[in-house]
């Protein structure tokens, strides 16, 4: 299930990046940083949520991850600035 969610995330990022590059007049480096923030969040999330899952159980951590992804996925849609978008995408990756 997690691999499917990650695959969908990458697919959506390709569309999101192209649209935002046009709408917000982003440079190629800024566009690439959107994807980089997701992977940075995934890296940090793995280091934190993995051991937490071993300690308290996988089910609560899986539910927490789903809540984090859902919440920050919705706040991504409400992002008004590029920095806010990067922060939200980081937390989506974290989840």
Protein backbone atom coordinates (compact mmCIF):
# COMPACT_ATOMS: atom_id res chain seq x y z
CA UNK A 1 0.00 0.00 0.00
CA UNK A 2 2.80 2.42 0.84
CA UNK A 3 4.55 1.77 -2.46
CA UNK A 4 1.31 2.58 -4.29
CA UNK A 5 0.98 5.83 -2.37
CA UNK A 6 4.59 6.76 -3.14
CA UNK A 7 4.09 5.98 -6.82
CA UNK A 8 0.97 8.14 -6.94
CA UNK A 9 2.85 10.92 -5.17
CA UNK A 10 5.58 10.92 -7.83
CA UNK A 11 3.00 10.91 -10.61
CA UNK A 12 1.11 13.82 -9.07
CA UNK A 13 4.33 15.74 -8.50
CA UNK A 14 5.13 15.63 -12.20
CA UNK A 15 1.78 17.24 -13.02
CA UNK A 16 1.93 19.67 -10.09
CA UNK A 17 5.42 20.83 -11.03
CA UNK A 18 4.49 21.59 -14.63
CA UNK A 19 1.35 23.49 -13.66
CA UNK A 20 3.04 25.50 -10.92
CA UNK A 21 6.00 26.31 -13.13
CA UNK A 22 3.60 27.95 -15.56
CA UNK A 23 1.20 29.53 -13.03
CA UNK A 24 3.76 30.86 -10.54
CA UNK A 25 6.57 31.47 -13.06
CA UNK A 26 8.98 29.14 -11.25
CA UNK A 27 12.53 28.47 -12.36
CA UNK A 28 13.61 24.89 -13.12
CA UNK A 29 15.53 24.83 -9.82
CA UNK A 30 12.45 25.86 -7.87
CA UNK A 31 10.40 23.22 -9.65
CA UNK A 32 12.96 20.55 -8.79
CA UNK A 33 13.00 21.66 -5.16
CA UNK A 34 9.31 20.72 -4.82
CA UNK A 35 10.18 17.08 -5.48
CA UNK A 36 13.34 17.31 -3.39
CA UNK A 37 11.32 18.50 -0.38
CA UNK A 38 9.06 15.46 -0.62
CA UNK A 39 12.04 13.12 -0.64
CA UNK A 40 13.73 15.01 2.20
CA UNK A 41 10.54 14.64 4.23
CA UNK A 42 10.39 10.94 3.41
CA UNK A 43 13.99 10.54 4.58
CA UNK A 44 13.36 12.28 7.90
CA UNK A 45 9.99 10.55 8.32
CA UNK A 46 11.56 7.13 7.82
CA UNK A 47 14.18 7.83 10.46
CA UNK A 48 11.56 8.95 12.97
CA UNK A 49 8.43 6.95 12.19
CA UNK A 50 10.22 3.64 11.58
CA UNK A 51 11.64 3.30 15.11
CA UNK A 52 8.42 4.74 16.51
CA UNK A 53 6.51 1.96 14.75
CA UNK A 54 8.81 -0.60 16.35
CA UNK A 55 8.23 0.93 19.75
CA UNK A 56 4.46 1.51 19.80
CA UNK A 57 3.29 -0.71 16.95
CA UNK A 58 2.81 -0.32 13.26
CA UNK A 59 -0.92 0.31 13.23
CA UNK A 60 -0.87 3.59 15.19
CA UNK A 61 2.09 4.86 13.17
CA UNK A 62 0.42 3.86 9.91
CA UNK A 63 -2.71 5.78 10.94
CA UNK A 64 -0.60 8.76 12.01
CA UNK A 65 1.16 8.71 8.64
CA UNK A 66 -2.18 8.67 6.86
CA UNK A 67 -3.40 11.63 8.90
CA UNK A 68 -0.21 13.59 8.22
CA UNK A 69 -0.37 12.90 4.48
CA UNK A 70 -4.07 13.77 4.30
CA UNK A 71 -3.81 16.97 6.30
CA UNK A 72 -0.75 18.36 4.57
CA UNK A 73 -2.00 17.17 1.19
CA UNK A 74 -5.04 19.38 1.71
CA UNK A 75 -2.98 22.30 2.95
CA UNK A 76 -0.84 21.97 -0.17
CA UNK A 77 -3.91 22.90 -2.19
CA UNK A 78 -4.29 26.04 -0.04
CA UNK A 79 -0.66 27.14 -0.38
CA UNK A 80 -0.36 30.76 -1.47
CA UNK A 81 3.44 31.08 -1.51
CA UNK A 82 6.23 28.92 -2.82
CA UNK A 83 7.78 28.54 0.63
CA UNK A 84 4.45 27.42 2.10
CA UNK A 85 4.15 24.87 -0.71
CA UNK A 86 7.63 23.49 0.04
CA UNK A 87 6.85 23.18 3.75
CA UNK A 88 3.58 21.35 3.08
CA UNK A 89 5.23 19.00 0.56
CA UNK A 90 7.96 18.22 3.12
CA UNK A 91 5.34 17.15 5.65
CA UNK A 92 3.52 15.07 3.03
CA UNK A 93 6.80 13.25 2.44
CA UNK A 94 7.31 12.89 6.18
CA UNK A 95 4.02 11.07 6.53
